[in-house]
Amino acid sequence: RSSEMLGYPPNRIIGTPMAEYVHPDELQRLIYRYERQMAGEHVESIYETVLLHSDGSRVDVELNTGVITYGGRPADLIIVRNISERIKSQEALRQSEEHYSTLVRSLTDAVFKLKGKVITWCNDRVEEIYGYKRDELIGKEAAVLFPESVSRSKFAAEVARTINKEGYFRGAHRVKRKNGSLAEIEYTVSQIEGTEPIELIAVARDITERKRIEEEVATSEAKYRSLVETASAGVVTIDLKGEFVLVNEALCNMVGYSQKELIGSNFADFLHPDDGAQLPDLFAGGLASQNEHPTFGFRTIHRDGHIVWLCSSPVALVHENH
């Protein structure tokens, strides 16, 4: 095996000094160990080093050494094990961990690793989101991740049940930061396969600002809808297909149709035949105008058949970039 490991035939190796097969970068370290061992000092008998193959390549090995008596004189007994594949695997693992560690550090989300109920690792984003430094959390129970005003035992049971069923848990809850303020956190929890005891990865995102904006938009829309519903003038929203999206009660009274009848219908169906051909073009021209909102009159047919004259000043609305 030594012959195969070093790339020399056995008769080339026998009778030659061991130092001849040690990689130059390791030679001084091995000589120092040997001198200490021969002097009777305690030296670890098992250690790793690098030998030199006949083709000049490195051979990572583990040496298990001991002193024996051979021919009446002290000698070294060395058992050599090739660990090149293990070293390559360890290096690949190190590079992989470094790659993913760099990736995780660059995330804007907080990332936690949990074993049981204990936080074993987290990235630096936890301080910005939760207010705690990494050192304050690692080794501590994951209570900081639990929602405010929710039973911890019930929450933990819900997470475990969902992971067993779906493979992950996703939710959004309100949690308390270190300074006592509340934050809206959206997170995903998943299990690391093959771990015992069970290990989890939790990714947490601060959505406090998003929730605030959503609430402001909802409040604004509620106010707008209230104004529209109570306005004495007719107010409608028509999509690009010409269909009614919103109509207020005032307009319904003008044309004699209910909101349920109008919404989803095409506004052209309610126009007087003489205005139906030109009015869509007038509306399109009004919507295309950036600074002017022209007002024009047109006729509609009331539910009971009589003509109703209306005037309109259309304005383009932008919703979700459309």
C-alpha atoms as a PDB file:
ATOM      1  CA  ARG A   1       0.000   0.000   0.000  1.00  0.00           C
ATOM      2  CA  SER A   2       2.906   2.383   0.741  1.00  0.00           C
ATOM      3  CA  SER A   3       4.314   1.646  -2.691  1.00  0.00           C
ATOM      4  CA  GLU A   4       0.966   2.450  -4.308  1.00  0.00           C
ATOM      5  CA  MET A   5       0.539   5.553  -2.158  1.00  0.00           C
ATOM      6  CA  LEU A   6       3.954   7.007  -3.059  1.00  0.00           C
ATOM      7  CA  GLY A   7       4.220   5.764  -6.643  1.00  0.00           C
ATOM      8  CA  TYR A   8       7.497   3.847  -6.163  1.00  0.00           C
ATOM      9  CA  PRO A   9       8.186   0.098  -6.280  1.00  0.00           C
ATOM     10  CA  PRO A  10       8.875  -1.518  -2.871  1.00  0.00           C
ATOM     11  CA  ASN A  11      12.582  -2.113  -3.597  1.00  0.00           C
ATOM     12  CA  ARG A  12      12.951   1.611  -4.287  1.00  0.00           C
ATOM     13  CA  ILE A  13      11.495   2.511  -0.879  1.00  0.00           C
ATOM     14  CA  ILE A  14      13.160  -0.064   1.381  1.00  0.00           C
ATOM     15  CA  GLY A  15      16.426   1.201   2.818  1.00  0.00           C
ATOM     16  CA  THR A  16      15.730   4.882   2.087  1.00  0.00           C
ATOM     17  CA  PRO A  17      15.083   7.555   4.736  1.00  0.00           C
ATOM     18  CA  MET A  18      11.459   8.466   5.488  1.00  0.00           C
ATOM     19  CA  ALA A  19      12.320  12.160   5.080  1.00  0.00           C
ATOM     20  CA  GLU A  20      12.844  11.566   1.365  1.00  0.00           C
ATOM     21  CA  TYR A  21       9.083  11.083   0.921  1.00  0.00           C
ATOM     22  CA  VAL A  22       7.890  13.959   3.091  1.00  0.00           C
ATOM     23  CA  HIS A  23       6.587  17.064   1.353  1.00  0.00           C
ATOM     24  CA  PRO A  24       9.117  19.940   1.710  1.00  0.00           C
ATOM     25  CA  ASP A  25       6.538  22.121   3.439  1.00  0.00           C
ATOM     26  CA  GLU A  26       6.149  19.503   6.185  1.00  0.00           C
ATOM     27  CA  LEU A  27       9.723  18.284   6.608  1.00  0.00           C
ATOM     28  CA  GLN A  28      10.888  20.642   9.386  1.00  0.00           C
ATOM     29  CA  ARG A  29       7.743  20.043  11.407  1.00  0.00           C
ATOM     30  CA  LEU A  30       8.213  16.246  11.227  1.00  0.00           C
ATOM     31  CA  ILE A  31      11.919  16.483  12.140  1.00  0.00           C
ATOM     32  CA  TYR A  32      11.000  18.583  15.186  1.00  0.00           C
ATOM     33  CA  ARG A  33       8.375  16.018  16.256  1.00  0.00           C
ATOM     34  CA  TYR A  34      10.825  13.152  15.775  1.00  0.00           C
ATOM     35  CA  GLU A  35      13.529  14.851  17.868  1.00  0.00           C
ATOM     36  CA  ARG A  36      11.090  15.518  20.696  1.00  0.00           C
ATOM     37  CA  GLN A  37       9.853  11.922  20.573  1.00  0.00           C
ATOM     38  CA  MET A  38      13.364  10.491  20.643  1.00  0.00           C
ATOM     39  CA  ALA A  39      14.144  12.775  23.602  1.00  0.00           C
ATOM     40  CA  GLY A  40      11.330  11.127  25.540  1.00  0.00           C
ATOM     41  CA  GLU A  41       8.883  14.027  25.392  1.00  0.00           C
ATOM     42  CA  HIS A  42       5.195  13.303  25.075  1.00  0.00           C
ATOM     43  CA  VAL A  43       4.122  13.752  21.456  1.00  0.00           C
ATOM     44  CA  GLU A  44       0.734  12.879  20.030  1.00  0.00           C
ATOM     45  CA  SER A  45       1.143   9.545  18.284  1.00  0.00           C
ATOM     46  CA  ILE A  46      -1.530  10.217  15.656  1.00  0.00           C
ATOM     47  CA  TYR A  47      -1.223  13.268  13.441  1.00  0.00           C
ATOM     48  CA  GLU A  48      -1.721  14.425   9.875  1.00  0.00           C
ATOM     49  CA  THR A  49       0.945  15.447   7.400  1.00  0.00           C
ATOM     50  CA  VAL A  50       1.689  15.506   3.650  1.00  0.00           C
ATOM     51  CA  LEU A  51       3.905  13.101   1.697  1.00  0.00           C
ATOM     52  CA  LEU A  52       5.258  13.557  -1.802  1.00  0.00           C
ATOM     53  CA  HIS A  53       4.213  11.253  -4.653  1.00  0.00           C
ATOM     54  CA  SER A  54       6.753  10.261  -7.300  1.00  0.00           C
ATOM     55  CA  ASP A  55       4.910  12.491  -9.793  1.00  0.00           C
ATOM     56  CA  GLY A  56       5.302  15.498  -7.482  1.00  0.00           C
ATOM     57  CA  SER A  57       1.706  15.601  -6.247  1.00  0.00           C
ATOM     58  CA  ARG A  58       0.676  15.915  -2.597  1.00  0.00           C
ATOM     59  CA  VAL A  59      -0.550  12.909  -0.639  1.00  0.00           C
ATOM     60  CA  ASP A  60      -2.442  13.782   2.534  1.00  0.00           C
ATOM     61  CA  VAL A  61      -1.872  11.089   5.151  1.00  0.00           C
ATOM     62  CA  GLU A  62      -2.518  10.276   8.784  1.00  0.00           C
ATOM     63  CA  LEU A  63       0.469   8.830  10.648  1.00  0.00           C
ATOM     64  CA  ASN A  64       0.163   6.605  13.703  1.00  0.00           C
ATOM     65  CA  THR A  65       3.622   6.360  15.216  1.00  0.00           C
ATOM     66  CA  GLY A  66       5.187   4.454  18.071  1.00  0.00           C
ATOM     67  CA  VAL A  67       8.655   3.558  19.323  1.00  0.00           C
ATOM     68  CA  ILE A  68       9.642  -0.110  19.214  1.00  0.00           C
ATOM     69  CA  THR A  69      12.864  -2.081  19.570  1.00  0.00           C
ATOM     70  CA  TYR A  70      14.219  -3.424  16.295  1.00  0.00           C
ATOM     71  CA  GLY A  71      17.500  -5.273  16.138  1.00  0.00           C
ATOM     72  CA  GLY A  72      18.243  -4.233  19.672  1.00  0.00           C
ATOM     73  CA  ARG A  73      17.859  -0.575  18.888  1.00  0.00           C
ATOM     74  CA  PRO A  74      14.908   1.875  19.267  1.00  0.00           C
ATOM     75  CA  ALA A  75      13.021   2.411  16.027  1.00  0.00           C
ATOM     76  CA  ASP A  76       9.860   4.049  14.781  1.00  0.00           C
ATOM     77  CA  LEU A  77       6.851   1.981  13.803  1.00  0.00           C
ATOM     78  CA  ILE A  78       4.725   4.125  11.462  1.00  0.00           C
ATOM     79  CA  ILE A  79       1.298   3.183  10.191  1.00  0.00           C
ATOM     80  CA  VAL A  80       0.338   5.368   7.226  1.00  0.00           C
ATOM     81  CA  ARG A  81      -3.255   5.953   6.114  1.00  0.00           C
ATOM     82  CA  ASN A  82      -4.124   7.861   2.956  1.00  0.00           C
ATOM     83  CA  ILE A  83      -6.671  10.549   3.825  1.00  0.00           C
ATOM     84  CA  SER A  84      -6.534  12.518   0.564  1.00  0.00           C
ATOM     85  CA  GLU A  85     -10.206  11.883  -0.230  1.00  0.00           C
ATOM     86  CA  ARG A  86     -11.231  12.914   3.267  1.00  0.00           C
ATOM     87  CA  ILE A  87      -9.200  16.125   3.017  1.00  0.00           C
ATOM     88  CA  LYS A  88     -10.778  16.883  -0.375  1.00  0.00           C
ATOM     89  CA  SER A  89     -14.243  16.281   1.074  1.00  0.00           C
ATOM     90  CA  GLN A  90     -13.494  18.498   4.067  1.00  0.00           C
ATOM     91  CA  GLU A  91     -12.232  21.255   1.785  1.00  0.00           C
ATOM     92  CA  ALA A  92     -15.296  20.957  -0.458  1.00  0.00           C
ATOM     93  CA  LEU A  93     -17.503  21.115   2.640  1.00  0.00           C
ATOM     94  CA  ARG A  94     -15.590  24.147   3.934  1.00  0.00           C
ATOM     95  CA  GLN A  95     -15.970  25.955   0.627  1.00  0.00           C
ATOM     96  CA  SER A  96     -19.652  25.045   0.468  1.00  0.00           C
ATOM     97  CA  GLU A  97     -20.251  26.286   4.023  1.00  0.00           C
ATOM     98  CA  GLU A  98     -18.306  29.461   3.278  1.00  0.00           C
ATOM     99  CA  HIS A  99     -20.360  30.005   0.122  1.00  0.00           C
ATOM    100  CA  TYR A 100     -23.685  29.589   1.893  1.00  0.00           C
ATOM    101  CA  SER A 101     -22.478  31.551   4.906  1.00  0.00           C
ATOM    102  CA  THR A 102     -21.626  34.474   2.599  1.00  0.00           C
ATOM    103  CA  LEU A 103     -25.011  34.097   0.923  1.00  0.00           C
ATOM    104  CA  VAL A 104     -26.852  34.105   4.263  1.00  0.00           C
ATOM    105  CA  ARG A 105     -24.876  37.118   5.525  1.00  0.00           C
ATOM    106  CA  SER A 106     -25.937  39.058   2.434  1.00  0.00           C
ATOM    107  CA  LEU A 107     -29.640  38.393   3.000  1.00  0.00           C
ATOM    108  CA  THR A 108     -31.816  41.240   4.231  1.00  0.00           C
ATOM    109  CA  ASP A 109     -33.823  38.705   6.270  1.00  0.00           C
ATOM    110  CA  ALA A 110     -32.920  37.377   9.703  1.00  0.00           C
ATOM    111  CA  VAL A 111     -31.917  33.704   9.599  1.00  0.00           C
ATOM    112  CA  PHE A 112     -31.898  31.412  12.642  1.00  0.00           C
ATOM    113  CA  LYS A 113     -30.767  27.842  13.176  1.00  0.00           C
ATOM    114  CA  LEU A 114     -32.535  26.052  16.012  1.00  0.00           C
ATOM    115  CA  LYS A 115     -31.869  22.779  17.817  1.00  0.00           C
ATOM    116  CA  GLY A 116     -34.891  21.913  19.881  1.00  0.00           C
ATOM    117  CA  LYS A 117     -35.876  25.197  21.512  1.00  0.00           C
ATOM    118  CA  VAL A 118     -32.364  26.687  21.459  1.00  0.00           C
ATOM    119  CA  ILE A 119     -30.882  29.119  18.917  1.00  0.00           C
ATOM    120  CA  THR A 120     -27.539  27.674  17.780  1.00  0.00           C
ATOM    121  CA  TRP A 121     -26.746  30.227  15.034  1.00  0.00           C
ATOM    122  CA  CYS A 122     -28.133  33.414  13.502  1.00  0.00           C
ATOM    123  CA  ASN A 123     -26.950  36.085  11.071  1.00  0.00           C
ATOM    124  CA  ASP A 124     -26.303  39.769  11.783  1.00  0.00           C
ATOM    125  CA  ARG A 125     -29.717  40.904  10.530  1.00  0.00           C
ATOM    126  CA  VAL A 126     -31.295  39.837  13.829  1.00  0.00           C
ATOM    127  CA  GLU A 127     -30.048  43.036  15.482  1.00  0.00           C
ATOM    128  CA  GLU A 128     -31.696  45.297  12.916  1.00  0.00           C
ATOM    129  CA  ILE A 129     -34.997  43.408  13.050  1.00  0.00           C
ATOM    130  CA  TYR A 130     -35.235  42.289  16.678  1.00  0.00           C
ATOM    131  CA  GLY A 131     -32.792  44.636  18.411  1.00  0.00           C
ATOM    132  CA  TYR A 132     -30.671  41.812  19.876  1.00  0.00           C
ATOM    133  CA  LYS A 133     -27.028  41.187  19.047  1.00  0.00           C
ATOM    134  CA  ARG A 134     -26.113  37.720  17.802  1.00  0.00           C
ATOM    135  CA  ASP A 135     -24.213  36.915  21.005  1.00  0.00           C
ATOM    136  CA  GLU A 136     -27.319  37.695  23.042  1.00  0.00           C
ATOM    137  CA  LEU A 137     -29.346  35.068  21.180  1.00  0.00           C
ATOM    138  CA  ILE A 138     -27.007  32.172  20.409  1.00  0.00           C
ATOM    139  CA  GLY A 139     -27.411  29.516  23.073  1.00  0.00           C
ATOM    140  CA  LYS A 140     -30.665  31.027  24.343  1.00  0.00           C
ATOM    141  CA  GLU A 141     -34.202  29.707  23.986  1.00  0.00           C
ATOM    142  CA  ALA A 142     -36.048  30.854  20.868  1.00  0.00           C
ATOM    143  CA  ALA A 143     -38.740  32.673  22.869  1.00  0.00           C
ATOM    144  CA  VAL A 144     -37.840  35.912  21.046  1.00  0.00           C
ATOM    145  CA  LEU A 145     -39.211  34.392  17.834  1.00  0.00           C
ATOM    146  CA  PHE A 146     -42.601  33.572  19.305  1.00  0.00           C
ATOM    147  CA  PRO A 147     -45.576  35.838  18.554  1.00  0.00           C
ATOM    148  CA  GLU A 148     -46.835  38.300  21.132  1.00  0.00           C
ATOM    149  CA  SER A 149     -50.055  37.390  22.957  1.00  0.00           C
ATOM    150  CA  VAL A 150     -50.070  33.814  21.614  1.00  0.00           C
ATOM    151  CA  SER A 151     -49.710  30.651  23.686  1.00  0.00           C
ATOM    152  CA  ARG A 152     -46.134  29.448  23.124  1.00  0.00           C
ATOM    153  CA  SER A 153     -47.067  25.794  23.530  1.00  0.00           C
ATOM    154  CA  LYS A 154     -49.935  26.084  21.039  1.00  0.00           C
ATOM    155  CA  PHE A 155     -47.775  28.004  18.588  1.00  0.00           C
ATOM    156  CA  ALA A 156     -44.959  25.413  18.808  1.00  0.00           C
ATOM    157  CA  ALA A 157     -47.491  22.626  18.298  1.00  0.00           C
ATOM    158  CA  GLU A 158     -48.938  24.412  15.266  1.00  0.00           C
ATOM    159  CA  VAL A 159     -45.475  24.856  13.725  1.00  0.00           C
ATOM    160  CA  ALA A 160     -44.573  21.185  14.294  1.00  0.00           C
ATOM    161  CA  ARG A 161     -47.899  19.960  12.913  1.00  0.00           C
ATOM    162  CA  THR A 162     -47.635  22.107   9.778  1.00  0.00           C
ATOM    163  CA  ILE A 163     -44.003  21.092   9.108  1.00  0.00           C
ATOM    164  CA  ASN A 164     -44.932  17.410   9.411  1.00  0.00           C
ATOM    165  CA  LYS A 165     -47.783  17.922   6.948  1.00  0.00           C
ATOM    166  CA  GLU A 166     -46.444  20.503   4.476  1.00  0.00           C
ATOM    167  CA  GLY A 167     -42.677  20.322   4.995  1.00  0.00           C
ATOM    168  CA  TYR A 168     -42.503  23.940   6.180  1.00  0.00           C
ATOM    169  CA  PHE A 169     -44.413  26.514   8.209  1.00  0.00           C
ATOM    170  CA  ARG A 170     -45.139  30.028   6.965  1.00  0.00           C
ATOM    171  CA  GLY A 171     -46.907  32.754   8.895  1.00  0.00           C
ATOM    172  CA  ALA A 172     -46.947  36.401   9.933  1.00  0.00           C
ATOM    173  CA  HIS A 173     -47.265  37.535  13.529  1.00  0.00           C
ATOM    174  CA  ARG A 174     -46.522  40.469  15.773  1.00  0.00           C
ATOM    175  CA  VAL A 175     -43.442  40.069  18.009  1.00  0.00           C
ATOM    176  CA  LYS A 176     -41.830  42.246  20.665  1.00  0.00           C
ATOM    177  CA  ARG A 177     -38.392  43.746  20.001  1.00  0.00           C
ATOM    178  CA  LYS A 178     -35.731  44.122  22.674  1.00  0.00           C
ATOM    179  CA  ASN A 179     -36.759  47.753  23.294  1.00  0.00           C
ATOM    180  CA  GLY A 180     -40.373  46.726  23.843  1.00  0.00           C
ATOM    181  CA  SER A 181     -41.717  47.999  20.511  1.00  0.00           C
ATOM    182  CA  LEU A 182     -43.793  45.686  18.345  1.00  0.00           C
ATOM    183  CA  ALA A 183     -42.868  44.496  14.864  1.00  0.00           C
ATOM    184  CA  GLU A 184     -44.808  42.627  12.213  1.00  0.00           C
ATOM    185  CA  ILE A 185     -42.700  39.633  11.187  1.00  0.00           C
ATOM    186  CA  GLU A 186     -43.278  37.232   8.311  1.00  0.00           C
ATOM    187  CA  TYR A 187     -41.318  34.011   8.599  1.00  0.00           C
ATOM    188  CA  THR A 188     -40.778  30.553   7.186  1.00  0.00           C
ATOM    189  CA  VAL A 189     -39.650  27.605   9.322  1.00  0.00           C
ATOM    190  CA  SER A 190     -38.401  24.326   7.850  1.00  0.00           C
ATOM    191  CA  GLN A 191     -36.687  21.220   9.189  1.00  0.00           C
ATOM    192  CA  ILE A 192     -33.121  20.244   8.326  1.00  0.00           C
ATOM    193  CA  GLU A 193     -33.392  16.650   7.120  1.00  0.00           C
ATOM    194  CA  GLY A 194     -31.439  13.905   8.846  1.00  0.00           C
ATOM    195  CA  THR A 195     -30.833  15.782  12.109  1.00  0.00           C
ATOM    196  CA  GLU A 196     -31.347  14.233  15.551  1.00  0.00           C
ATOM    197  CA  PRO A 197     -32.397  15.941  17.703  1.00  0.00           C
ATOM    198  CA  ILE A 198     -34.441  17.889  15.180  1.00  0.00           C
ATOM    199  CA  GLU A 199     -32.880  21.089  13.827  1.00  0.00           C
ATOM    200  CA  LEU A 200     -34.831  23.893  12.182  1.00  0.00           C
ATOM    201  CA  ILE A 201     -34.044  26.855   9.942  1.00  0.00           C
ATOM    202  CA  ALA A 202     -36.185  29.964  10.431  1.00  0.00           C
ATOM    203  CA  VAL A 203     -36.121  32.926   8.024  1.00  0.00           C
ATOM    204  CA  ALA A 204     -37.759  36.099   9.380  1.00  0.00           C
ATOM    205  CA  ARG A 205     -38.642  39.253   7.416  1.00  0.00           C
ATOM    206  CA  ASP A 206     -39.702  42.570   8.927  1.00  0.00           C
ATOM    207  CA  ILE A 207     -42.954  43.611   7.220  1.00  0.00           C
ATOM    208  CA  THR A 208     -43.862  46.363   9.699  1.00  0.00           C
ATOM    209  CA  GLU A 209     -43.562  49.127   7.114  1.00  0.00           C
ATOM    210  CA  ARG A 210     -45.429  47.124   4.498  1.00  0.00           C
ATOM    211  CA  LYS A 211     -48.284  46.454   6.916  1.00  0.00           C
ATOM    212  CA  ARG A 212     -48.410  50.147   7.821  1.00  0.00           C
ATOM    213  CA  ILE A 213     -48.689  51.134   4.165  1.00  0.00           C
ATOM    214  CA  GLU A 214     -51.326  48.460   3.531  1.00  0.00           C
ATOM    215  CA  GLU A 215     -53.384  49.772   6.441  1.00  0.00           C
ATOM    216  CA  GLU A 216     -53.025  53.359   5.209  1.00  0.00           C
ATOM    217  CA  VAL A 217     -54.097  52.323   1.705  1.00  0.00           C
ATOM    218  CA  ALA A 218     -57.063  50.390   3.098  1.00  0.00           C
ATOM    219  CA  THR A 219     -58.076  53.407   5.186  1.00  0.00           C
ATOM    220  CA  SER A 220     -57.682  55.718   2.211  1.00  0.00           C
ATOM    221  CA  GLU A 221     -59.709  53.407  -0.025  1.00  0.00           C
ATOM    222  CA  ALA A 222     -62.431  53.194   2.620  1.00  0.00           C
ATOM    223  CA  LYS A 223     -62.588  57.002   2.798  1.00  0.00           C
ATOM    224  CA  TYR A 224     -62.652  57.261  -1.004  1.00  0.00           C
ATOM    225  CA  ARG A 225     -65.398  54.670  -1.259  1.00  0.00           C
ATOM    226  CA  SER A 226     -67.399  56.482   1.419  1.00  0.00           C
ATOM    227  CA  LEU A 227     -67.076  59.776  -0.472  1.00  0.00           C
ATOM    228  CA  VAL A 228     -68.059  58.104  -3.734  1.00  0.00           C
ATOM    229  CA  GLU A 229     -71.037  56.342  -2.217  1.00  0.00           C
ATOM    230  CA  THR A 230     -72.406  59.507  -0.583  1.00  0.00           C
ATOM    231  CA  ALA A 231     -71.664  61.922  -3.452  1.00  0.00           C
ATOM    232  CA  SER A 232     -74.683  63.544  -5.102  1.00  0.00           C
ATOM    233  CA  ALA A 233     -72.944  63.388  -8.506  1.00  0.00           C
ATOM    234  CA  GLY A 234     -72.653  60.129 -10.390  1.00  0.00           C
ATOM    235  CA  VAL A 235     -69.215  58.507 -10.033  1.00  0.00           C
ATOM    236  CA  VAL A 236     -68.062  55.483 -12.000  1.00  0.00           C
ATOM    237  CA  THR A 237     -64.841  53.572 -12.599  1.00  0.00           C
ATOM    238  CA  ILE A 238     -64.524  51.884 -15.988  1.00  0.00           C
ATOM    239  CA  ASP A 239     -61.691  49.510 -16.939  1.00  0.00           C
ATOM    240  CA  LEU A 240     -59.877  49.460 -20.283  1.00  0.00           C
ATOM    241  CA  LYS A 241     -62.421  46.987 -21.676  1.00  0.00           C
ATOM    242  CA  GLY A 242     -65.176  49.533 -21.061  1.00  0.00           C
ATOM    243  CA  GLU A 243     -66.743  47.549 -18.205  1.00  0.00           C
ATOM    244  CA  PHE A 244     -68.070  49.144 -15.011  1.00  0.00           C
ATOM    245  CA  VAL A 245     -65.850  48.364 -12.021  1.00  0.00           C
ATOM    246  CA  LEU A 246     -67.452  50.745  -9.531  1.00  0.00           C
ATOM    247  CA  VAL A 247     -70.644  52.805  -9.611  1.00  0.00           C
ATOM    248  CA  ASN A 248     -72.194  54.890  -6.865  1.00  0.00           C
ATOM    249  CA  GLU A 249     -75.833  55.088  -5.880  1.00  0.00           C
ATOM    250  CA  ALA A 250     -76.267  58.527  -7.460  1.00  0.00           C
ATOM    251  CA  LEU A 251     -75.484  57.180 -10.932  1.00  0.00           C
ATOM    252  CA  CYS A 252     -77.766  54.198 -10.386  1.00  0.00           C
ATOM    253  CA  ASN A 253     -80.610  56.627  -9.645  1.00  0.00           C
ATOM    254  CA  MET A 254     -79.840  58.571 -12.830  1.00  0.00           C
ATOM    255  CA  VAL A 255     -80.069  55.562 -15.161  1.00  0.00           C
ATOM    256  CA  GLY A 256     -82.513  53.377 -13.199  1.00  0.00           C
ATOM    257  CA  TYR A 257     -80.228  50.339 -12.836  1.00  0.00           C
ATOM    258  CA  SER A 258     -78.823  48.779  -9.642  1.00  0.00           C
ATOM    259  CA  GLN A 259     -75.116  48.468  -8.872  1.00  0.00           C
ATOM    260  CA  LYS A 260     -75.381  44.704  -9.320  1.00  0.00           C
ATOM    261  CA  GLU A 261     -76.810  45.165 -12.810  1.00  0.00           C
ATOM    262  CA  LEU A 262     -74.195  47.725 -13.885  1.00  0.00           C
ATOM    263  CA  ILE A 263     -70.922  46.298 -12.489  1.00  0.00           C
ATOM    264  CA  GLY A 264     -69.345  44.013 -15.087  1.00  0.00           C
ATOM    265  CA  SER A 265     -71.531  45.404 -17.885  1.00  0.00           C
ATOM    266  CA  ASN A 266     -70.121  47.474 -20.725  1.00  0.00           C
ATOM    267  CA  PHE A 267     -70.955  51.169 -20.485  1.00  0.00           C
ATOM    268  CA  ALA A 268     -71.500  51.325 -24.294  1.00  0.00           C
ATOM    269  CA  ASP A 269     -74.616  49.153 -23.848  1.00  0.00           C
ATOM    270  CA  PHE A 270     -76.341  52.020 -22.014  1.00  0.00           C
ATOM    271  CA  LEU A 271     -75.523  54.789 -24.518  1.00  0.00           C
ATOM    272  CA  HIS A 272     -77.933  56.351 -26.990  1.00  0.00           C
ATOM    273  CA  PRO A 273     -77.323  54.790 -30.440  1.00  0.00           C
ATOM    274  CA  ASP A 274     -76.355  58.167 -31.939  1.00  0.00           C
ATOM    275  CA  ASP A 275     -73.644  58.690 -29.273  1.00  0.00           C
ATOM    276  CA  GLY A 276     -72.392  55.111 -29.009  1.00  0.00           C
ATOM    277  CA  ALA A 277     -70.053  55.325 -32.006  1.00  0.00           C
ATOM    278  CA  GLN A 278     -68.185  58.511 -31.102  1.00  0.00           C
ATOM    279  CA  LEU A 279     -68.221  58.510 -27.293  1.00  0.00           C
ATOM    280  CA  PRO A 280     -65.534  55.816 -26.766  1.00  0.00           C
ATOM    281  CA  ASP A 281     -63.132  57.883 -28.886  1.00  0.00           C
ATOM    282  CA  LEU A 282     -63.953  61.008 -26.857  1.00  0.00           C
ATOM    283  CA  PHE A 283     -63.296  59.126 -23.626  1.00  0.00           C
ATOM    284  CA  ALA A 284     -60.004  57.721 -24.974  1.00  0.00           C
ATOM    285  CA  GLY A 285     -58.891  61.220 -25.983  1.00  0.00           C
ATOM    286  CA  GLY A 286     -59.779  62.579 -22.565  1.00  0.00           C
ATOM    287  CA  LEU A 287     -57.836  59.814 -20.796  1.00  0.00           C
ATOM    288  CA  ALA A 288     -54.790  60.387 -23.017  1.00  0.00           C
ATOM    289  CA  SER A 289     -54.668  64.070 -22.048  1.00  0.00           C
ATOM    290  CA  GLN A 290     -52.026  64.623 -19.357  1.00  0.00           C
ATOM    291  CA  ASN A 291     -52.939  68.115 -18.206  1.00  0.00           C
ATOM    292  CA  GLU A 292     -56.499  68.680 -19.412  1.00  0.00           C
ATOM    293  CA  HIS A 293     -59.719  66.964 -18.449  1.00  0.00           C
ATOM    294  CA  PRO A 294     -62.272  67.923 -21.125  1.00  0.00           C
ATOM    295  CA  THR A 295     -65.959  67.822 -20.259  1.00  0.00           C
ATOM    296  CA  PHE A 296     -68.471  66.588 -22.802  1.00  0.00           C
ATOM    297  CA  GLY A 297     -72.148  65.669 -22.792  1.00  0.00           C
ATOM    298  CA  PHE A 298     -73.778  62.473 -23.993  1.00  0.00           C
ATOM    299  CA  ARG A 299     -77.071  60.629 -23.840  1.00  0.00           C
ATOM    300  CA  THR A 300     -77.935  57.382 -22.053  1.00  0.00           C
ATOM    301  CA  ILE A 301     -81.061  55.298 -22.124  1.00  0.00           C
ATOM    302  CA  HIS A 302     -82.850  55.069 -18.778  1.00  0.00           C
ATOM    303  CA  ARG A 303     -84.170  51.694 -17.690  1.00  0.00           C
ATOM    304  CA  ASP A 304     -87.728  52.827 -18.471  1.00  0.00           C
ATOM    305  CA  GLY A 305     -86.641  53.900 -21.984  1.00  0.00           C
ATOM    306  CA  HIS A 306     -86.424  57.714 -21.732  1.00  0.00           C
ATOM    307  CA  ILE A 307     -83.274  59.633 -22.641  1.00  0.00           C
ATOM    308  CA  VAL A 308     -81.037  61.037 -19.866  1.00  0.00           C
ATOM    309  CA  TRP A 309     -78.456  63.702 -20.699  1.00  0.00           C
ATOM    310  CA  LEU A 310     -75.187  63.396 -18.726  1.00  0.00           C
ATOM    311  CA  CYS A 311     -71.891  65.251 -18.800  1.00  0.00           C
ATOM    312  CA  SER A 312     -68.517  63.731 -17.868  1.00  0.00           C
ATOM    313  CA  SER A 313     -64.902  64.765 -17.302  1.00  0.00           C
ATOM    314  CA  PRO A 314     -62.920  61.483 -17.368  1.00  0.00           C
ATOM    315  CA  VAL A 315     -59.669  61.077 -15.414  1.00  0.00           C
ATOM    316  CA  ALA A 316     -57.178  58.230 -15.865  1.00  0.00           C
ATOM    317  CA  LEU A 317     -56.542  56.162 -12.731  1.00  0.00           C
ATOM    318  CA  VAL A 318     -53.351  54.137 -12.193  1.00  0.00           C
ATOM    319  CA  HIS A 319     -53.725  50.937 -10.160  1.00  0.00           C
ATOM    320  CA  GLU A 320     -50.807  48.518  -9.689  1.00  0.00           C
ATOM    321  CA  ASN A 321     -48.939  50.236 -12.555  1.00  0.00           C
ATOM    322  CA  HIS A 322     -51.894  49.840 -14.977  1.00  0.00           C
END
